[in-house]
Amino acid sequence: MLKPRGAWRANQDTRAKKHLTELEGTVVALSDDDLLDLADIFEAAPPSILKEIAAREMARRGISL
């Protein structure tokens, strides 16, 4: 059995993975125009997971800014 701290950490990891999966699904569900708008918003921003997900989805679709 996990100690309370270990259980808490495991729960946090599970929730973080769930949120990341939901975020990726949301980006994948965007129309091409909305995806391009999202990428445009983050173009000049520092690297982030959302920027990376959008770039990966654009590459998969074969679209660019």
Protein backbone atom coordinates (compact mmCIF):
# COMPACT_ATOMS: atom_id res chain seq x y z
CA MET A 1 0.00 0.00 0.00
CA LEU A 2 1.22 3.49 -0.81
CA LYS A 3 2.08 5.87 1.98
CA PRO A 4 -0.15 8.97 2.08
CA ARG A 5 2.47 11.17 0.39
CA GLY A 6 3.07 8.55 -2.31
CA ALA A 7 -0.67 8.17 -2.88
CA TRP A 8 -1.05 11.93 -3.18
CA ARG A 9 1.81 12.10 -5.70
CA ALA A 10 0.38 9.20 -7.72
CA ASN A 11 -2.99 10.96 -7.78
CA GLN A 12 -1.37 14.22 -8.91
CA ASP A 13 0.47 12.40 -11.70
CA THR A 14 -2.74 10.72 -12.84
CA ARG A 15 -4.61 14.02 -12.90
CA ALA A 16 -1.78 15.77 -14.74
CA LYS A 17 -1.75 13.06 -17.42
CA LYS A 18 -5.54 13.29 -17.74
CA HIS A 19 -5.40 17.07 -18.16
CA LEU A 20 -2.64 16.82 -20.74
CA THR A 21 -4.63 14.23 -22.70
CA GLU A 22 -7.72 16.47 -22.57
CA LEU A 23 -5.66 19.45 -23.73
CA GLU A 24 -4.24 17.49 -26.66
CA GLY A 25 -7.75 16.32 -27.59
CA THR A 26 -9.03 19.88 -27.52
CA VAL A 27 -6.27 21.09 -29.84
CA VAL A 28 -6.84 18.15 -32.21
CA ALA A 29 -10.57 19.00 -32.34
CA LEU A 30 -9.91 22.59 -33.49
CA SER A 31 -10.67 23.54 -37.06
CA ASP A 32 -7.68 24.47 -39.22
CA ASP A 33 -8.46 28.18 -38.89
CA ASP A 34 -8.74 27.99 -35.11
CA LEU A 35 -5.55 25.95 -34.87
CA LEU A 36 -3.73 28.56 -36.95
CA ASP A 37 -5.12 31.31 -34.70
CA LEU A 38 -3.86 29.43 -31.64
CA ALA A 39 -0.43 28.94 -33.19
CA ASP A 40 -0.32 32.63 -34.14
CA ILE A 41 -1.05 33.64 -30.55
CA PHE A 42 1.83 31.53 -29.24
CA GLU A 43 4.28 32.17 -32.10
CA ALA A 44 6.33 34.80 -30.26
CA ALA A 45 5.82 33.27 -26.81
CA PRO A 46 8.51 31.26 -25.04
CA PRO A 47 8.35 27.49 -25.44
CA SER A 48 5.35 25.87 -23.76
CA ILE A 49 3.47 22.60 -23.89
CA LEU A 50 0.50 24.24 -25.63
CA LYS A 51 2.77 25.73 -28.28
CA GLU A 52 4.37 22.31 -28.80
CA ILE A 53 1.01 20.52 -29.09
CA ALA A 54 -0.24 23.08 -31.61
CA ALA A 55 2.94 22.80 -33.69
CA ARG A 56 2.76 19.01 -33.67
CA GLU A 57 -0.89 19.06 -34.79
CA MET A 58 -0.14 21.58 -37.55
CA ALA A 59 2.67 19.35 -38.80
CA ARG A 60 0.35 16.34 -38.74
CA ARG A 61 -2.22 18.26 -40.82
CA GLY A 62 0.41 19.69 -43.14
CA ILE A 63 -0.48 23.33 -42.43
CA SER A 64 1.71 26.24 -41.40
CA LEU A 65 1.45 29.93 -40.53
